[in-house]
Amino acid sequence: MNMDQSVEVLNKIIRSRRSIFPKSYTGEEIPREAIELIVANANYAPTHKLTQPWRFRIFRKKGLELLAGEMERLYKVHTAPGKFKQSKLDSTRNKILSASCVIVISMKTHPDKLPEWEELASVSCAVQNMWLTASALHVGAYWSTPGTIAHLAEFLKLKPEEKCVGLFYMGFHKEPPREAKRKPIAKKTTWIEG
């Protein structure tokens, strides 16, 4: 099999993508044009019946303070007194403020057309497109799903058919490349050829 250059580039990007956490971000601002490219590529994810369920709210600059404040408030309100940890509250704020950008990912459901899991699968593909684009731009990224996202609807002004499914942190970083920890694909594949 002769692989052309585009397949080699694609393989490299897919296999080098990693979760890069906010503690590793340098504080350098990601240019708006790069963020626009990242979300534009999300728009090319597969979507059953062309519902295109992904929705993004991009927080940067002073917007990060607004998001951090709301996430802190939600943690205080929705955490039982015996489970409350000041270190968790501080970490919530610091992670957001360490990022150059946080994209809040939501999905618009279409219960009359599709089961919710199909919409979530499409949104996940859109996020993978963002993640691969970020990786190609040497931007670190991380998809987080803290329990408090279930309470973000009012703050985000979500419509009744919309649901928040995570926070996508991004920032430039100086982490060295690291090998993926994956078991061989042969252990997860069954061939049926007749």
Protein backbone atom coordinates (compact mmCIF):
# COMPACT_ATOMS: atom_id res chain seq x y z
CA MET A 1 0.00 0.00 0.00
CA ASN A 2 1.39 3.38 -1.00
CA MET A 3 0.33 6.15 1.38
CA ASP A 4 0.31 9.65 0.03
CA GLN A 5 1.55 12.62 2.04
CA SER A 6 -1.91 13.68 3.27
CA VAL A 7 -2.47 10.29 4.95
CA GLU A 8 0.92 10.50 6.64
CA VAL A 9 0.11 13.99 7.96
CA LEU A 10 -3.31 12.81 9.15
CA ASN A 11 -1.79 9.79 10.90
CA LYS A 12 0.74 12.01 12.66
CA ILE A 13 -1.91 14.45 13.90
CA ILE A 14 -4.31 11.73 15.07
CA ARG A 15 -1.61 9.73 16.83
CA SER A 16 0.00 12.73 18.51
CA ARG A 17 -3.23 14.24 19.90
CA ARG A 18 -3.21 14.28 23.71
CA SER A 19 -5.13 15.83 26.55
CA ILE A 20 -3.09 18.85 27.61
CA PHE A 21 -4.36 20.21 30.91
CA PRO A 22 -4.56 23.88 31.91
CA LYS A 23 -1.71 23.57 34.44
CA SER A 24 0.61 23.17 31.43
CA TYR A 25 -0.60 26.26 29.55
CA THR A 26 1.87 29.10 29.07
CA GLY A 27 -0.56 32.04 29.25
CA GLU A 28 0.16 33.05 25.64
CA GLU A 29 -3.05 34.15 23.93
CA ILE A 30 -4.40 32.02 21.11
CA PRO A 31 -5.19 34.32 18.16
CA ARG A 32 -8.88 34.68 17.36
CA GLU A 33 -8.23 33.44 13.80
CA ALA A 34 -6.89 30.14 15.19
CA ILE A 35 -9.97 29.68 17.37
CA GLU A 36 -12.21 30.47 14.38
CA LEU A 37 -10.41 27.78 12.35
CA ILE A 38 -10.77 25.26 15.19
CA VAL A 39 -14.55 25.75 15.45
CA ALA A 40 -14.95 25.98 11.65
CA ASN A 41 -13.46 22.49 11.35
CA ALA A 42 -15.90 21.25 14.01
CA ASN A 43 -18.65 22.16 11.58
CA TYR A 44 -17.56 19.37 9.21
CA ALA A 45 -18.36 16.53 11.61
CA PRO A 46 -20.74 13.81 10.46
CA THR A 47 -24.36 14.58 11.35
CA HIS A 48 -27.33 12.27 10.90
CA LYS A 49 -30.20 13.98 9.04
CA LEU A 50 -27.99 17.11 8.89
CA THR A 51 -29.19 18.29 12.31
CA GLN A 52 -25.72 19.75 13.03
CA PRO A 53 -26.39 19.65 16.79
CA TRP A 54 -23.11 21.21 18.02
CA ARG A 55 -23.24 24.65 19.62
CA PHE A 56 -20.24 26.56 20.99
CA ARG A 57 -19.93 29.50 23.36
CA ILE A 58 -16.38 30.82 23.31
CA PHE A 59 -15.07 32.42 26.50
CA ARG A 60 -11.83 34.37 26.35
CA LYS A 61 -10.28 37.44 27.94
CA LYS A 62 -12.77 38.91 30.48
CA GLY A 63 -15.27 36.23 29.50
CA LEU A 64 -13.08 33.71 31.34
CA GLU A 65 -13.67 35.63 34.59
CA LEU A 66 -17.43 35.40 34.03
CA LEU A 67 -17.27 31.65 33.43
CA ALA A 68 -14.94 31.07 36.40
CA GLY A 69 -17.26 33.04 38.68
CA GLU A 70 -20.30 31.06 37.58
CA MET A 71 -18.55 27.70 37.94
CA GLU A 72 -17.44 28.68 41.45
CA ARG A 73 -20.99 29.72 42.34
CA LEU A 74 -22.43 26.46 41.01
CA TYR A 75 -19.91 24.40 42.95
CA LYS A 76 -20.83 26.21 46.18
CA VAL A 77 -24.58 25.89 45.57
CA HIS A 78 -24.65 22.25 44.40
CA THR A 79 -22.03 20.65 46.66
CA ALA A 80 -23.18 19.07 49.91
CA PRO A 81 -21.46 20.65 52.96
CA GLY A 82 -19.67 17.39 53.83
CA LYS A 83 -18.27 17.09 50.30
CA PHE A 84 -17.22 20.71 49.81
CA LYS A 85 -13.47 21.19 49.35
CA GLN A 86 -11.85 24.61 49.11
CA SER A 87 -9.07 23.07 47.00
CA LYS A 88 -11.66 21.89 44.43
CA LEU A 89 -13.24 25.35 44.34
CA ASP A 90 -9.82 26.97 43.83
CA SER A 91 -8.90 24.41 41.16
CA THR A 92 -12.13 25.10 39.26
CA ARG A 93 -11.31 28.81 39.05
CA ASN A 94 -7.60 28.35 38.33
CA LYS A 95 -8.17 25.90 35.47
CA ILE A 96 -10.45 28.34 33.67
CA LEU A 97 -8.19 31.34 34.23
CA SER A 98 -5.11 29.36 33.12
CA ALA A 99 -6.68 28.77 29.70
CA SER A 100 -6.42 31.18 26.79
CA CYS A 101 -9.89 30.09 25.79
CA VAL A 102 -12.66 27.84 27.10
CA ILE A 103 -15.30 26.68 24.66
CA VAL A 104 -18.52 25.57 26.31
CA ILE A 105 -19.89 22.70 24.24
CA SER A 106 -23.62 22.20 24.02
CA MET A 107 -25.87 20.15 21.86
CA LYS A 108 -29.24 20.89 20.36
CA THR A 109 -31.44 17.82 20.55
CA HIS A 110 -34.08 16.89 17.98
CA PRO A 111 -36.25 14.32 19.80
CA ASP A 112 -38.76 14.28 16.93
CA LYS A 113 -36.01 13.21 14.48
CA LEU A 114 -33.23 11.35 16.32
CA PRO A 115 -32.34 9.67 19.60
CA GLU A 116 -30.17 11.86 21.82
CA TRP A 117 -27.20 9.47 21.64
CA GLU A 118 -26.91 10.10 17.88
CA GLU A 119 -26.73 13.85 18.48
CA LEU A 120 -24.10 13.33 21.18
CA ALA A 121 -22.10 11.14 18.78
CA SER A 122 -22.14 13.99 16.23
CA VAL A 123 -21.07 16.53 18.84
CA SER A 124 -18.25 14.19 19.91
CA CYS A 125 -17.06 14.01 16.31
CA ALA A 126 -17.15 17.82 16.13
CA VAL A 127 -15.05 18.02 19.29
CA GLN A 128 -12.56 15.53 17.84
CA ASN A 129 -12.26 17.77 14.76
CA MET A 130 -11.54 20.71 17.08
CA TRP A 131 -9.03 18.69 19.05
CA LEU A 132 -7.15 17.52 15.97
CA THR A 133 -7.08 21.05 14.54
CA ALA A 134 -5.83 22.41 17.86
CA SER A 135 -3.12 19.73 17.92
CA ALA A 136 -2.04 20.64 14.39
CA LEU A 137 -1.74 24.28 15.55
CA HIS A 138 0.31 23.20 18.63
CA VAL A 139 -2.52 24.29 20.91
CA GLY A 140 -3.14 22.10 23.94
CA ALA A 141 -6.72 21.05 24.59
CA TYR A 142 -8.78 19.14 27.14
CA TRP A 143 -12.49 18.21 27.22
CA SER A 144 -13.82 18.38 30.78
CA THR A 145 -17.23 17.26 32.01
CA PRO A 146 -17.60 18.44 35.62
CA GLY A 147 -20.95 17.69 37.27
CA THR A 148 -21.76 21.39 37.52
CA ILE A 149 -22.26 21.65 33.73
CA ALA A 150 -25.75 20.22 34.29
CA HIS A 151 -26.61 23.54 35.98
CA LEU A 152 -25.17 25.93 33.39
CA ALA A 153 -28.36 26.28 31.31
CA GLU A 154 -29.53 29.59 32.78
CA PHE A 155 -26.09 31.20 32.68
CA LEU A 156 -25.62 30.12 29.04
CA LYS A 157 -29.20 31.03 28.11
CA LEU A 158 -29.71 27.55 26.67
CA LYS A 159 -32.99 26.80 24.96
CA PRO A 160 -35.10 23.92 26.34
CA GLU A 161 -33.85 21.56 23.61
CA GLU A 162 -30.17 22.39 24.35
CA LYS A 163 -27.90 20.61 26.80
CA CYS A 164 -24.36 21.46 27.95
CA VAL A 165 -21.97 18.53 27.43
CA GLY A 166 -18.63 19.94 28.51
CA LEU A 167 -15.92 22.55 28.64
CA PHE A 168 -13.13 22.51 26.07
CA TYR A 169 -10.03 24.17 27.52
CA MET A 170 -7.32 25.43 25.16
CA GLY A 171 -3.91 27.00 25.57
CA PHE A 172 -0.43 27.07 24.14
CA HIS A 173 1.91 24.79 26.08
CA LYS A 174 5.47 23.53 26.27
CA GLU A 175 4.79 19.87 27.05
CA PRO A 176 7.06 17.47 25.20
CA PRO A 177 5.38 14.96 22.87
CA ARG A 178 4.45 11.73 24.60
CA GLU A 179 3.49 8.31 23.32
CA ALA A 180 -0.16 7.25 23.47
CA LYS A 181 -0.97 4.40 25.85
CA ARG A 182 -3.09 2.09 23.74
CA LYS A 183 -3.47 -1.68 23.66
CA PRO A 184 -2.92 -3.14 20.18
CA ILE A 185 -5.91 -2.73 17.86
CA ALA A 186 -5.71 -6.46 17.07
CA LYS A 187 -7.02 -7.15 20.60
CA LYS A 188 -10.11 -5.03 19.87
CA THR A 189 -10.85 -6.17 16.31
CA THR A 190 -12.66 -9.20 14.96
CA TRP A 191 -12.52 -9.93 11.23
CA ILE A 192 -15.45 -11.76 9.63
CA GLU A 193 -14.67 -12.57 6.02
CA GLY A 194 -16.96 -15.42 5.13
